[in-house]
Amino acid sequence: MKQVKTKPSSKIKAGPRRKKSEAHIPYAKPALRSEAFARALIDAKTCLNSSETLEELFNEAAKKAAAVAREPFKEYWPYLQTMLRLVRAHHRGEYGQVPHDALLWVVAALNYLIDPFDLIPDKTPFLGFVDDATVIEFVADRTRQTLDDFMTWETSGGC
């Protein structure tokens, strides 16, 4: 009988293979790993528990959005505007079909936007809103269906 030689087992275990899509994990972006974003998420929970705080956030974020350049936000500018309208409609009780998690992400993004001392301070020339745009992009992608549903609701007359 012929003996079959086997290779000795390796003590080093191979880790899971990373898919190409995993190479670009959104949390890999510094703004999303920053203390400022963690603060924005914590503050979002507080905002959702207080009608007055949510209204204050909306007012500050709308004022800030009106004053910032659109360029860093690129094609996500309309989604920032939609986030603002969504929060306003939700706060007024006009639109209640927002999943809690999606609303939390949107409010966190707006909190990050109004924070002047986030990862890249807003007063930094040319770069001050790049990190804000990164957060808006991430949240828009994460809540795209909710934002699209809201826009559909708006265009159908808010019914």
C-alpha atoms as a PDB file:
ATOM      1  CA  MET A   1       0.000   0.000   0.000  1.00  0.00           C
ATOM      2  CA  LYS A   2       1.279   3.379  -0.977  1.00  0.00           C
ATOM      3  CA  GLN A   3       1.571   6.010   1.744  1.00  0.00           C
ATOM      4  CA  VAL A   4       0.282   9.460   1.002  1.00  0.00           C
ATOM      5  CA  LYS A   5       2.393  12.234   2.420  1.00  0.00           C
ATOM      6  CA  THR A   6       0.499  15.152   3.871  1.00  0.00           C
ATOM      7  CA  LYS A   7       1.827  18.550   4.628  1.00  0.00           C
ATOM      8  CA  PRO A   8       2.090  19.413   8.297  1.00  0.00           C
ATOM      9  CA  SER A   9      -0.643  21.766   9.381  1.00  0.00           C
ATOM     10  CA  SER A  10       0.362  25.346   9.716  1.00  0.00           C
ATOM     11  CA  LYS A  11      -0.014  26.980  13.103  1.00  0.00           C
ATOM     12  CA  ILE A  12      -0.770  30.292  11.461  1.00  0.00           C
ATOM     13  CA  LYS A  13      -4.401  30.558  10.589  1.00  0.00           C
ATOM     14  CA  ALA A  14      -5.337  32.520   7.534  1.00  0.00           C
ATOM     15  CA  GLY A  15      -7.625  35.420   8.286  1.00  0.00           C
ATOM     16  CA  PRO A  16     -10.786  36.026   6.341  1.00  0.00           C
ATOM     17  CA  ARG A  17     -10.204  37.368   2.889  1.00  0.00           C
ATOM     18  CA  ARG A  18     -11.230  40.947   2.408  1.00  0.00           C
ATOM     19  CA  LYS A  19     -13.498  41.620  -0.479  1.00  0.00           C
ATOM     20  CA  LYS A  20     -12.647  44.547  -2.702  1.00  0.00           C
ATOM     21  CA  SER A  21     -15.756  46.348  -1.485  1.00  0.00           C
ATOM     22  CA  GLU A  22     -14.556  46.037   2.107  1.00  0.00           C
ATOM     23  CA  ALA A  23     -11.328  47.822   1.271  1.00  0.00           C
ATOM     24  CA  HIS A  24     -13.283  51.097   1.232  1.00  0.00           C
ATOM     25  CA  ILE A  25     -15.159  50.830   4.515  1.00  0.00           C
ATOM     26  CA  PRO A  26     -16.710  54.238   5.223  1.00  0.00           C
ATOM     27  CA  TYR A  27     -15.526  54.186   8.840  1.00  0.00           C
ATOM     28  CA  ALA A  28     -11.993  54.190   7.479  1.00  0.00           C
ATOM     29  CA  LYS A  29     -12.415  57.908   6.822  1.00  0.00           C
ATOM     30  CA  PRO A  30     -10.946  59.951   9.676  1.00  0.00           C
ATOM     31  CA  ALA A  31     -14.023  62.165  10.138  1.00  0.00           C
ATOM     32  CA  LEU A  32     -16.149  59.100  10.880  1.00  0.00           C
ATOM     33  CA  ARG A  33     -13.671  57.797  13.447  1.00  0.00           C
ATOM     34  CA  SER A  34     -13.233  61.167  15.122  1.00  0.00           C
ATOM     35  CA  GLU A  35     -14.269  62.209  18.602  1.00  0.00           C
ATOM     36  CA  ALA A  36     -16.353  64.922  16.964  1.00  0.00           C
ATOM     37  CA  PHE A  37     -18.471  62.333  15.124  1.00  0.00           C
ATOM     38  CA  ALA A  38     -18.852  60.257  18.292  1.00  0.00           C
ATOM     39  CA  ARG A  39     -20.028  63.440  20.063  1.00  0.00           C
ATOM     40  CA  ALA A  40     -22.434  64.171  17.205  1.00  0.00           C
ATOM     41  CA  LEU A  41     -24.015  60.730  17.602  1.00  0.00           C
ATOM     42  CA  ILE A  42     -24.367  61.133  21.364  1.00  0.00           C
ATOM     43  CA  ASP A  43     -25.832  64.622  20.920  1.00  0.00           C
ATOM     44  CA  ALA A  44     -28.250  63.239  18.320  1.00  0.00           C
ATOM     45  CA  LYS A  45     -29.779  60.944  20.932  1.00  0.00           C
ATOM     46  CA  THR A  46     -30.293  63.944  23.211  1.00  0.00           C
ATOM     47  CA  CYS A  47     -31.825  65.988  20.379  1.00  0.00           C
ATOM     48  CA  LEU A  48     -34.337  63.280  19.606  1.00  0.00           C
ATOM     49  CA  ASN A  49     -35.542  63.351  23.207  1.00  0.00           C
ATOM     50  CA  SER A  50     -36.181  67.100  23.235  1.00  0.00           C
ATOM     51  CA  SER A  51     -38.402  68.936  20.812  1.00  0.00           C
ATOM     52  CA  GLU A  52     -36.791  72.259  21.720  1.00  0.00           C
ATOM     53  CA  THR A  53     -33.264  70.925  21.155  1.00  0.00           C
ATOM     54  CA  LEU A  54     -34.273  69.416  17.826  1.00  0.00           C
ATOM     55  CA  GLU A  55     -35.762  72.729  16.698  1.00  0.00           C
ATOM     56  CA  GLU A  56     -32.610  74.555  17.816  1.00  0.00           C
ATOM     57  CA  LEU A  57     -30.467  72.066  15.877  1.00  0.00           C
ATOM     58  CA  PHE A  58     -32.567  72.544  12.753  1.00  0.00           C
ATOM     59  CA  ASN A  59     -32.293  76.336  12.979  1.00  0.00           C
ATOM     60  CA  GLU A  60     -28.512  76.264  13.488  1.00  0.00           C
ATOM     61  CA  ALA A  61     -27.967  73.680  10.736  1.00  0.00           C
ATOM     62  CA  ALA A  62     -30.166  75.566   8.252  1.00  0.00           C
ATOM     63  CA  LYS A  63     -28.276  78.775   8.986  1.00  0.00           C
ATOM     64  CA  LYS A  64     -24.916  77.024   8.589  1.00  0.00           C
ATOM     65  CA  ALA A  65     -25.965  75.277   5.355  1.00  0.00           C
ATOM     66  CA  ALA A  66     -27.059  78.612   3.915  1.00  0.00           C
ATOM     67  CA  ALA A  67     -23.623  80.076   4.651  1.00  0.00           C
ATOM     68  CA  VAL A  68     -21.293  77.281   3.468  1.00  0.00           C
ATOM     69  CA  ALA A  69     -19.931  76.722  -0.013  1.00  0.00           C
ATOM     70  CA  ARG A  70     -21.563  73.888  -1.941  1.00  0.00           C
ATOM     71  CA  GLU A  71     -18.361  72.636  -3.583  1.00  0.00           C
ATOM     72  CA  PRO A  72     -17.150  70.290  -0.821  1.00  0.00           C
ATOM     73  CA  PHE A  73     -20.551  68.579  -0.745  1.00  0.00           C
ATOM     74  CA  LYS A  74     -20.625  67.947  -4.511  1.00  0.00           C
ATOM     75  CA  GLU A  75     -23.594  65.809  -5.529  1.00  0.00           C
ATOM     76  CA  TYR A  76     -24.606  65.370  -1.849  1.00  0.00           C
ATOM     77  CA  TRP A  77     -25.711  68.986  -1.492  1.00  0.00           C
ATOM     78  CA  PRO A  78     -29.348  68.125  -2.358  1.00  0.00           C
ATOM     79  CA  TYR A  79     -29.279  65.381   0.269  1.00  0.00           C
ATOM     80  CA  LEU A  80     -28.084  67.854   2.909  1.00  0.00           C
ATOM     81  CA  GLN A  81     -31.033  70.066   1.980  1.00  0.00           C
ATOM     82  CA  THR A  82     -33.340  67.037   2.170  1.00  0.00           C
ATOM     83  CA  MET A  83     -31.992  66.152   5.622  1.00  0.00           C
ATOM     84  CA  LEU A  84     -32.894  69.638   6.798  1.00  0.00           C
ATOM     85  CA  ARG A  85     -36.414  69.454   5.375  1.00  0.00           C
ATOM     86  CA  LEU A  86     -36.906  65.972   6.822  1.00  0.00           C
ATOM     87  CA  VAL A  87     -35.939  67.083  10.326  1.00  0.00           C
ATOM     88  CA  ARG A  88     -38.200  70.139  10.065  1.00  0.00           C
ATOM     89  CA  ALA A  89     -41.178  68.079   8.833  1.00  0.00           C
ATOM     90  CA  HIS A  90     -40.579  65.456  11.519  1.00  0.00           C
ATOM     91  CA  HIS A  91     -40.290  68.104  14.233  1.00  0.00           C
ATOM     92  CA  ARG A  92     -43.524  69.756  13.121  1.00  0.00           C
ATOM     93  CA  GLY A  93     -45.301  66.394  13.147  1.00  0.00           C
ATOM     94  CA  GLU A  94     -45.951  66.582   9.412  1.00  0.00           C
ATOM     95  CA  TYR A  95     -43.915  63.490   8.556  1.00  0.00           C
ATOM     96  CA  GLY A  96     -43.725  60.587  10.946  1.00  0.00           C
ATOM     97  CA  GLN A  97     -42.595  57.747   8.699  1.00  0.00           C
ATOM     98  CA  VAL A  98     -38.909  58.118   9.557  1.00  0.00           C
ATOM     99  CA  PRO A  99     -37.234  55.017  10.987  1.00  0.00           C
ATOM    100  CA  HIS A 100     -35.631  55.925  14.322  1.00  0.00           C
ATOM    101  CA  ASP A 101     -32.156  54.788  13.243  1.00  0.00           C
ATOM    102  CA  ALA A 102     -32.282  56.865  10.057  1.00  0.00           C
ATOM    103  CA  LEU A 103     -33.423  59.930  11.994  1.00  0.00           C
ATOM    104  CA  LEU A 104     -30.604  59.388  14.487  1.00  0.00           C
ATOM    105  CA  TRP A 105     -28.014  59.320  11.662  1.00  0.00           C
ATOM    106  CA  VAL A 106     -29.469  62.424  10.005  1.00  0.00           C
ATOM    107  CA  VAL A 107     -29.525  64.367  13.269  1.00  0.00           C
ATOM    108  CA  ALA A 108     -25.943  63.245  13.968  1.00  0.00           C
ATOM    109  CA  ALA A 109     -24.851  64.533  10.548  1.00  0.00           C
ATOM    110  CA  LEU A 110     -26.474  67.898  11.237  1.00  0.00           C
ATOM    111  CA  ASN A 111     -24.845  68.012  14.675  1.00  0.00           C
ATOM    112  CA  TYR A 112     -21.485  67.416  13.026  1.00  0.00           C
ATOM    113  CA  LEU A 113     -22.181  70.139  10.476  1.00  0.00           C
ATOM    114  CA  ILE A 114     -22.830  72.782  13.127  1.00  0.00           C
ATOM    115  CA  ASP A 115     -19.816  71.812  15.253  1.00  0.00           C
ATOM    116  CA  PRO A 116     -17.176  74.454  14.481  1.00  0.00           C
ATOM    117  CA  PHE A 117     -14.466  72.371  16.174  1.00  0.00           C
ATOM    118  CA  ASP A 118     -14.947  69.039  14.460  1.00  0.00           C
ATOM    119  CA  LEU A 119     -12.087  67.091  12.883  1.00  0.00           C
ATOM    120  CA  ILE A 120     -11.094  69.989  10.605  1.00  0.00           C
ATOM    121  CA  PRO A 121     -12.193  73.279  12.157  1.00  0.00           C
ATOM    122  CA  ASP A 122     -14.612  75.108   9.888  1.00  0.00           C
ATOM    123  CA  LYS A 123     -12.434  78.240   9.820  1.00  0.00           C
ATOM    124  CA  THR A 124      -9.626  76.329   8.086  1.00  0.00           C
ATOM    125  CA  PRO A 125      -9.433  77.800   4.565  1.00  0.00           C
ATOM    126  CA  PHE A 126     -10.408  75.428   1.725  1.00  0.00           C
ATOM    127  CA  LEU A 127     -10.549  72.336   3.968  1.00  0.00           C
ATOM    128  CA  GLY A 128     -12.885  73.379   6.761  1.00  0.00           C
ATOM    129  CA  PHE A 129     -15.935  71.671   5.321  1.00  0.00           C
ATOM    130  CA  VAL A 130     -14.321  68.630   3.679  1.00  0.00           C
ATOM    131  CA  ASP A 131     -14.877  66.534   6.799  1.00  0.00           C
ATOM    132  CA  ASP A 132     -18.459  67.821   7.104  1.00  0.00           C
ATOM    133  CA  ALA A 133     -19.077  66.779   3.498  1.00  0.00           C
ATOM    134  CA  THR A 134     -17.624  63.334   4.256  1.00  0.00           C
ATOM    135  CA  VAL A 135     -20.093  62.876   7.107  1.00  0.00           C
ATOM    136  CA  ILE A 136     -23.030  64.120   5.002  1.00  0.00           C
ATOM    137  CA  GLU A 137     -22.035  61.721   2.208  1.00  0.00           C
ATOM    138  CA  PHE A 138     -21.781  58.767   4.602  1.00  0.00           C
ATOM    139  CA  VAL A 139     -25.138  59.504   6.245  1.00  0.00           C
ATOM    140  CA  ALA A 140     -26.869  60.166   2.916  1.00  0.00           C
ATOM    141  CA  ASP A 141     -25.651  56.813   1.616  1.00  0.00           C
ATOM    142  CA  ARG A 142     -26.682  55.084   4.842  1.00  0.00           C
ATOM    143  CA  THR A 143     -30.164  56.649   4.882  1.00  0.00           C
ATOM    144  CA  ARG A 144     -30.726  56.949   1.130  1.00  0.00           C
ATOM    145  CA  GLN A 145     -34.013  55.032   1.105  1.00  0.00           C
ATOM    146  CA  THR A 146     -35.440  57.146   3.921  1.00  0.00           C
ATOM    147  CA  LEU A 147     -34.388  60.372   2.201  1.00  0.00           C
ATOM    148  CA  ASP A 148     -35.775  59.190  -1.138  1.00  0.00           C
ATOM    149  CA  ASP A 149     -39.057  58.164   0.506  1.00  0.00           C
ATOM    150  CA  PHE A 150     -39.314  61.588   2.104  1.00  0.00           C
ATOM    151  CA  MET A 151     -38.695  63.351  -1.222  1.00  0.00           C
ATOM    152  CA  THR A 152     -41.402  61.196  -2.808  1.00  0.00           C
ATOM    153  CA  TRP A 153     -43.755  62.171   0.017  1.00  0.00           C
ATOM    154  CA  GLU A 154     -42.904  65.855  -0.536  1.00  0.00           C
ATOM    155  CA  THR A 155     -43.514  65.733  -4.269  1.00  0.00           C
ATOM    156  CA  SER A 156     -46.813  63.926  -3.809  1.00  0.00           C
ATOM    157  CA  GLY A 157     -48.129  66.878  -1.858  1.00  0.00           C
ATOM    158  CA  GLY A 158     -47.138  65.691   1.592  1.00  0.00           C
ATOM    159  CA  CYS A 159     -49.932  63.136   1.818  1.00  0.00           C
END
